[in-house]
Amino acid sequence: MQSTAHTPSLESLRCFLAGAKHLNFRQASSEVALTATAFSQRIKQLEGQLGTALFHRTTRKVSLTRAGLSLVPVAQETLEGAHRCVEAVLQGTDPPVNITMGTRFELGMSWVLPCIIKLEDERPSWEINTYFGSGEDILDQLKNGTVDCVVTSAPVARTEWEAQVLHPESYILVGAPSLLKKHPFKKPSDAVAHTLLDTDRSMPLSRYLVGAHNPDLPFGQIRLCGTGAAMLAMVRAGRGLAVLPEYMVEQDLDSGALLPLMPELEMLSDTFRLLYRKDHPLIQMLDVLGGFLRAQPLLG
């Protein structure tokens, strides 16, 4: 290791904190929207700049070194300070901002749009336009510059994009009480009497059921609904069971309109991110936008 330390970038510190949080480089690379290889290179670069190892890495385990443990609170304070610097500048001038944001329809209507309305109330000189599309479509729009940023949980990793983590997205298998009274679902073999509702064959939500230790669920039928909103309407009507984001069904679970099934299942999860180009001329405003969205609770 070099003995002369150099000042690390904010992006490198963000990667370091993701690694310190997960102690798993693959999970950490997913959080910051980098490939595992690019993430490892970023950590090695940071260690070279600081002249010391930050992680102990073996084939089985990742842990923080003494230097890594010391860096965690300083890195957190540095990133928070950078955000406060941007906020301090913008609070004094609040220049006109016009941004186009892409996202999925259900998330856009349930969470993104209410956040935009609140942001524009607080910052009258800001105007956020919206573009609704599928996961692949909104990423294509970001690539060609049609939108300035996207809110997505799609697993993407492009070195030219900034990725701000907003909220974790967890999933749950649910059904209507009326359906479950007729056809109970208490063990995996009961799935044969049920229809599994899903979106489409290209990006099925049922993929979140696939866990290393989950039993096979032999559903009698798969019924495609096209969108998460359509799935929610159908599962409420007792037309089948569905794997849906927890934020989308939170109120139904609280009221008893839907019931959670097989809580022992190991469901996969995603993370909502705000993606935008690192060379975007409004990158400081997009940084502020990401901080604002992260502070808003994820409600359906």
Protein backbone atom coordinates (compact mmCIF):
# COMPACT_ATOMS: atom_id res chain seq x y z
CA MET A 1 0.00 0.00 0.00
CA GLN A 2 1.13 3.56 -0.67
CA SER A 3 2.03 5.62 2.34
CA THR A 4 0.79 8.94 0.96
CA ALA A 5 -2.95 9.43 1.37
CA HIS A 6 -5.10 11.32 -1.13
CA THR A 7 -8.55 12.86 -0.70
CA PRO A 8 -11.23 10.31 -1.73
CA SER A 9 -14.27 11.20 -3.84
CA LEU A 10 -17.79 11.29 -2.44
CA GLU A 11 -18.72 8.41 -4.73
CA SER A 12 -15.89 6.29 -3.28
CA LEU A 13 -17.08 7.05 0.24
CA ARG A 14 -20.63 6.09 -0.74
CA CYS A 15 -19.31 2.74 -2.02
CA PHE A 16 -17.30 2.23 1.16
CA LEU A 17 -20.35 2.82 3.36
CA ALA A 18 -22.38 0.34 1.29
CA GLY A 19 -19.62 -2.24 1.83
CA ALA A 20 -19.49 -1.49 5.54
CA LYS A 21 -23.26 -1.80 5.80
CA HIS A 22 -23.61 -5.16 4.04
CA LEU A 23 -20.16 -6.75 4.59
CA ASN A 24 -20.95 -8.44 1.29
CA PHE A 25 -19.49 -6.89 -1.85
CA ARG A 26 -22.13 -8.34 -4.17
CA GLN A 27 -24.99 -6.88 -2.13
CA ALA A 28 -23.12 -3.59 -1.70
CA SER A 29 -22.42 -3.31 -5.44
CA SER A 30 -26.13 -3.79 -6.14
CA GLU A 31 -27.01 -0.98 -3.73
CA VAL A 32 -24.79 1.54 -5.55
CA ALA A 33 -25.69 0.20 -9.02
CA LEU A 34 -22.21 -1.05 -9.95
CA THR A 35 -21.07 -4.44 -11.12
CA ALA A 36 -19.30 -6.52 -8.50
CA THR A 37 -16.02 -6.08 -10.40
CA ALA A 38 -16.38 -2.30 -10.65
CA PHE A 39 -17.28 -2.11 -6.96
CA SER A 40 -14.20 -4.10 -5.92
CA GLN A 41 -12.03 -1.87 -8.08
CA ARG A 42 -13.52 1.23 -6.46
CA ILE A 43 -12.74 -0.11 -2.97
CA LYS A 44 -9.16 -1.01 -4.00
CA GLN A 45 -8.75 2.49 -5.43
CA LEU A 46 -9.98 4.03 -2.18
CA GLU A 47 -7.64 1.85 -0.12
CA GLY A 48 -4.77 2.91 -2.39
CA GLN A 49 -5.66 6.58 -1.96
CA LEU A 50 -5.78 6.26 1.83
CA GLY A 51 -2.73 4.02 2.02
CA THR A 52 -4.37 1.35 4.15
CA ALA A 53 -6.71 -1.64 3.93
CA LEU A 54 -10.32 -0.95 4.90
CA PHE A 55 -11.68 -4.51 4.64
CA HIS A 56 -10.42 -7.97 5.50
CA ARG A 57 -11.57 -10.13 2.56
CA THR A 58 -11.59 -13.92 2.29
CA THR A 59 -13.62 -16.27 0.10
CA ARG A 60 -16.10 -16.71 2.96
CA LYS A 61 -16.14 -13.48 4.91
CA VAL A 62 -15.75 -9.70 4.66
CA SER A 63 -15.03 -7.60 7.75
CA LEU A 64 -13.82 -4.09 8.50
CA THR A 65 -10.25 -3.42 9.53
CA ARG A 66 -9.50 -1.02 12.37
CA ALA A 67 -8.99 1.73 9.78
CA GLY A 68 -12.31 0.83 8.15
CA LEU A 69 -14.13 1.03 11.46
CA SER A 70 -12.61 4.46 12.06
CA LEU A 71 -13.62 5.68 8.61
CA VAL A 72 -17.34 4.80 8.90
CA PRO A 73 -18.50 7.76 11.04
CA VAL A 74 -16.22 10.18 9.17
CA ALA A 75 -17.53 9.02 5.78
CA GLN A 76 -21.13 9.36 6.95
CA GLU A 77 -20.46 12.87 8.25
CA THR A 78 -18.71 13.83 4.99
CA LEU A 79 -21.61 12.72 2.78
CA GLU A 80 -24.14 14.43 5.04
CA GLY A 81 -22.02 17.58 4.98
CA ALA A 82 -21.85 17.56 1.18
CA HIS A 83 -25.62 17.36 1.03
CA ARG A 84 -25.96 20.22 3.50
CA CYS A 85 -23.60 22.34 1.35
CA VAL A 86 -25.86 21.90 -1.68
CA GLU A 87 -28.95 22.64 0.39
CA ALA A 88 -27.38 25.79 1.84
CA VAL A 89 -26.65 27.15 -1.62
CA LEU A 90 -30.07 26.31 -3.00
CA GLN A 91 -31.99 27.68 -0.02
CA GLY A 92 -30.56 31.11 -0.69
CA THR A 93 -31.31 31.28 -4.42
CA ASP A 94 -33.67 28.40 -5.30
CA PRO A 95 -33.22 28.86 -9.06
CA PRO A 96 -35.82 27.57 -11.55
CA VAL A 97 -35.48 23.82 -12.10
CA ASN A 98 -37.25 21.75 -14.76
CA ILE A 99 -36.66 17.99 -14.57
CA THR A 100 -38.34 15.01 -16.22
CA MET A 101 -38.51 11.85 -14.11
CA GLY A 102 -39.37 8.36 -15.36
CA THR A 103 -40.91 5.61 -13.24
CA ARG A 104 -43.43 2.74 -13.25
CA PHE A 105 -47.11 3.66 -13.28
CA GLU A 106 -48.09 2.10 -9.93
CA LEU A 107 -45.12 3.50 -8.03
CA GLY A 108 -45.54 6.82 -9.78
CA MET A 109 -49.18 7.23 -8.82
CA SER A 110 -48.90 5.85 -5.27
CA TRP A 111 -45.64 7.45 -4.12
CA VAL A 112 -43.61 9.44 -6.67
CA LEU A 113 -46.37 11.85 -7.71
CA PRO A 114 -47.37 12.75 -4.11
CA CYS A 115 -43.68 13.37 -3.39
CA ILE A 116 -43.40 15.65 -6.45
CA ILE A 117 -46.44 17.65 -5.35
CA LYS A 118 -44.96 18.09 -1.88
CA LEU A 119 -41.57 19.09 -3.31
CA GLU A 120 -43.12 21.68 -5.64
CA ASP A 121 -45.09 23.12 -2.71
CA GLU A 122 -41.84 23.56 -0.79
CA ARG A 123 -39.88 24.78 -3.83
CA PRO A 124 -42.26 26.76 -6.10
CA SER A 125 -39.53 27.36 -8.69
CA TRP A 126 -39.16 23.59 -9.31
CA GLU A 127 -41.19 21.74 -11.93
CA ILE A 128 -40.94 17.93 -12.15
CA ASN A 129 -42.44 16.35 -15.26
CA THR A 130 -43.25 12.62 -15.22
CA TYR A 131 -42.87 9.81 -17.73
CA PHE A 132 -44.55 6.48 -16.97
CA GLY A 133 -43.32 3.28 -18.60
CA SER A 134 -42.07 -0.24 -18.04
CA GLY A 135 -38.77 -0.92 -16.31
CA GLU A 136 -36.82 -1.44 -19.54
CA ASP A 137 -38.53 1.49 -21.25
CA ILE A 138 -37.69 4.09 -18.62
CA LEU A 139 -34.04 2.94 -18.60
CA ASP A 140 -33.95 3.35 -22.38
CA GLN A 141 -35.36 6.87 -21.97
CA LEU A 142 -32.57 7.67 -19.51
CA LYS A 143 -29.95 6.33 -21.92
CA ASN A 144 -31.16 8.51 -24.80
CA GLY A 145 -31.72 11.60 -22.64
CA THR A 146 -35.51 11.79 -22.92
CA VAL A 147 -35.75 11.80 -19.11
CA ASP A 148 -33.29 13.34 -16.65
CA CYS A 149 -33.65 10.67 -13.98
CA VAL A 150 -35.62 7.54 -13.14
CA VAL A 151 -36.92 5.92 -9.97
CA THR A 152 -36.59 2.17 -10.38
CA SER A 153 -35.77 -1.08 -8.59
CA ALA A 154 -34.36 -2.65 -11.75
CA PRO A 155 -30.90 -4.20 -11.15
CA VAL A 156 -28.72 -1.94 -13.32
CA ALA A 157 -25.02 -1.14 -13.15
CA ARG A 158 -23.58 1.58 -15.40
CA THR A 159 -20.44 3.44 -14.37
CA GLU A 160 -21.66 6.65 -16.03
CA TRP A 161 -24.82 6.75 -13.88
CA GLU A 162 -25.18 7.99 -10.32
CA ALA A 163 -27.43 5.82 -8.13
CA GLN A 164 -28.99 7.19 -4.95
CA VAL A 165 -30.57 4.53 -2.74
CA LEU A 166 -34.08 5.62 -1.69
CA HIS A 167 -35.98 2.76 -0.04
CA PRO A 168 -35.86 -1.04 0.21
CA GLU A 169 -38.70 -2.81 -1.64
CA SER A 170 -39.90 -5.98 0.07
CA TYR A 171 -42.59 -8.37 -1.18
CA ILE A 172 -45.29 -10.52 0.38
CA LEU A 173 -47.65 -13.30 -0.75
CA VAL A 174 -51.27 -12.31 -0.07
CA GLY A 175 -54.84 -13.51 -0.60
CA ALA A 176 -58.41 -12.43 0.15
CA PRO A 177 -60.11 -13.90 3.26
CA SER A 178 -63.13 -15.01 1.19
CA LEU A 179 -60.93 -17.09 -1.12
CA LEU A 180 -58.88 -18.56 1.72
CA LYS A 181 -62.05 -19.58 3.56
CA LYS A 182 -63.05 -21.71 0.55
CA HIS A 183 -59.55 -22.93 -0.23
CA PRO A 184 -57.15 -22.73 2.73
CA PHE A 185 -53.46 -22.15 2.06
CA LYS A 186 -51.54 -23.52 5.02
CA LYS A 187 -48.94 -25.76 3.39
CA PRO A 188 -47.10 -25.81 0.05
CA SER A 189 -49.26 -28.59 -1.43
CA ASP A 190 -52.35 -26.35 -0.99
CA ALA A 191 -51.06 -24.21 -3.87
CA VAL A 192 -52.51 -26.64 -6.41
CA ALA A 193 -56.02 -25.39 -5.57
CA HIS A 194 -55.05 -21.76 -6.24
CA THR A 195 -54.39 -19.42 -9.15
CA LEU A 196 -51.26 -17.30 -8.93
CA LEU A 197 -51.79 -13.79 -10.28
CA ASP A 198 -48.83 -12.13 -12.00
CA THR A 199 -47.91 -9.21 -14.25
CA ASP A 200 -46.34 -10.69 -17.40
CA ARG A 201 -43.88 -13.37 -18.46
CA SER A 202 -40.91 -11.03 -19.01
CA MET A 203 -40.66 -9.64 -15.44
CA PRO A 204 -43.01 -11.72 -13.25
CA LEU A 205 -43.43 -10.65 -9.63
CA SER A 206 -43.56 -14.33 -8.71
CA ARG A 207 -39.77 -14.37 -9.16
CA TYR A 208 -39.55 -12.90 -5.65
CA LEU A 209 -40.84 -16.25 -4.33
CA VAL A 210 -37.66 -17.95 -5.48
CA GLY A 211 -35.52 -18.46 -2.39
CA ALA A 212 -32.77 -20.92 -1.63
CA HIS A 213 -34.80 -22.76 1.00
CA ASN A 214 -38.37 -22.20 -0.23
CA PRO A 215 -40.50 -25.28 -0.99
CA ASP A 216 -41.96 -25.78 -4.44
CA LEU A 217 -45.42 -24.19 -4.73
CA PRO A 218 -47.33 -26.09 -7.44
CA PHE A 219 -49.99 -23.49 -8.29
CA GLY A 220 -52.85 -24.87 -10.33
CA GLN A 221 -52.86 -21.92 -12.75
CA ILE A 222 -50.96 -18.74 -13.59
CA ARG A 223 -53.10 -15.75 -14.60
CA LEU A 224 -51.44 -12.67 -16.11
CA CYS A 225 -52.87 -9.25 -15.24
CA GLY A 226 -50.45 -6.86 -16.96
CA THR A 227 -49.80 -4.46 -14.07
CA GLY A 228 -49.42 -4.51 -10.30
CA ALA A 229 -52.55 -2.38 -9.93
CA ALA A 230 -54.56 -4.96 -11.88
CA MET A 231 -53.08 -7.74 -9.73
CA LEU A 232 -54.14 -5.88 -6.59
CA ALA A 233 -57.71 -5.47 -7.87
CA MET A 234 -57.93 -9.15 -8.78
CA VAL A 235 -56.51 -10.44 -5.51
CA ARG A 236 -58.93 -8.20 -3.59
CA ALA A 237 -61.76 -9.76 -5.63
CA GLY A 238 -60.63 -13.25 -4.64
CA ARG A 239 -59.52 -14.28 -8.13
CA GLY A 240 -56.21 -15.67 -6.92
CA LEU A 241 -53.12 -15.16 -4.78
CA ALA A 242 -50.43 -12.58 -5.57
CA VAL A 243 -46.89 -11.56 -4.73
CA LEU A 244 -47.01 -7.78 -4.29
CA PRO A 245 -44.83 -5.03 -2.77
CA GLU A 246 -45.56 -4.59 0.93
CA TYR A 247 -46.07 -0.84 0.55
CA MET A 248 -48.82 -1.50 -2.01
CA VAL A 249 -50.85 -3.81 0.28
CA GLU A 250 -50.05 -2.26 3.67
CA GLN A 251 -53.50 -0.69 4.12
CA ASP A 252 -55.27 -3.88 2.96
CA LEU A 253 -53.30 -5.93 5.48
CA ASP A 254 -54.07 -3.46 8.28
CA SER A 255 -57.82 -3.53 7.48
CA GLY A 256 -57.96 -7.29 7.01
CA ALA A 257 -59.01 -6.99 3.35
CA LEU A 258 -55.98 -9.16 2.49
CA LEU A 259 -54.11 -11.74 4.54
CA PRO A 260 -50.38 -12.56 4.51
CA LEU A 261 -49.52 -16.14 3.57
CA MET A 262 -46.64 -18.42 4.54
CA PRO A 263 -44.49 -15.84 6.40
CA GLU A 264 -41.72 -18.44 6.61
CA LEU A 265 -40.99 -18.00 2.88
CA GLU A 266 -37.66 -16.34 2.09
CA MET A 267 -38.74 -13.63 -0.33
CA LEU A 268 -36.25 -11.85 -2.54
CA SER A 269 -36.20 -8.05 -2.33
CA ASP A 270 -35.18 -4.99 -4.33
CA THR A 271 -34.11 -1.44 -3.61
CA PHE A 272 -35.62 1.69 -5.09
CA ARG A 273 -32.94 3.96 -6.56
CA LEU A 274 -32.84 7.35 -8.23
CA LEU A 275 -30.64 7.02 -11.32
CA TYR A 276 -29.19 9.89 -13.37
CA ARG A 277 -26.12 10.65 -15.45
CA LYS A 278 -23.01 11.73 -13.56
CA ASP A 279 -22.32 14.40 -16.18
CA HIS A 280 -25.83 15.87 -16.00
CA PRO A 281 -25.75 19.70 -15.89
CA LEU A 282 -28.30 19.69 -13.03
CA ILE A 283 -26.54 17.01 -10.97
CA GLN A 284 -26.59 19.15 -7.81
CA MET A 285 -30.35 19.54 -8.11
CA LEU A 286 -30.72 15.80 -8.72
CA ASP A 287 -28.66 15.14 -5.58
CA VAL A 288 -31.12 17.29 -3.64
CA LEU A 289 -34.06 15.51 -5.28
CA GLY A 290 -32.67 12.14 -4.18
CA GLY A 291 -32.29 13.34 -0.60
CA PHE A 292 -35.85 14.65 -0.59
CA LEU A 293 -37.30 11.38 -1.94
CA ARG A 294 -35.30 9.34 0.57
CA ALA A 295 -36.87 11.35 3.41
CA GLN A 296 -40.44 10.60 2.27
CA PRO A 297 -42.04 7.41 3.70
CA LEU A 298 -42.85 4.73 1.15
CA LEU A 299 -46.63 4.36 1.33
CA GLY A 300 -49.10 2.77 -1.05
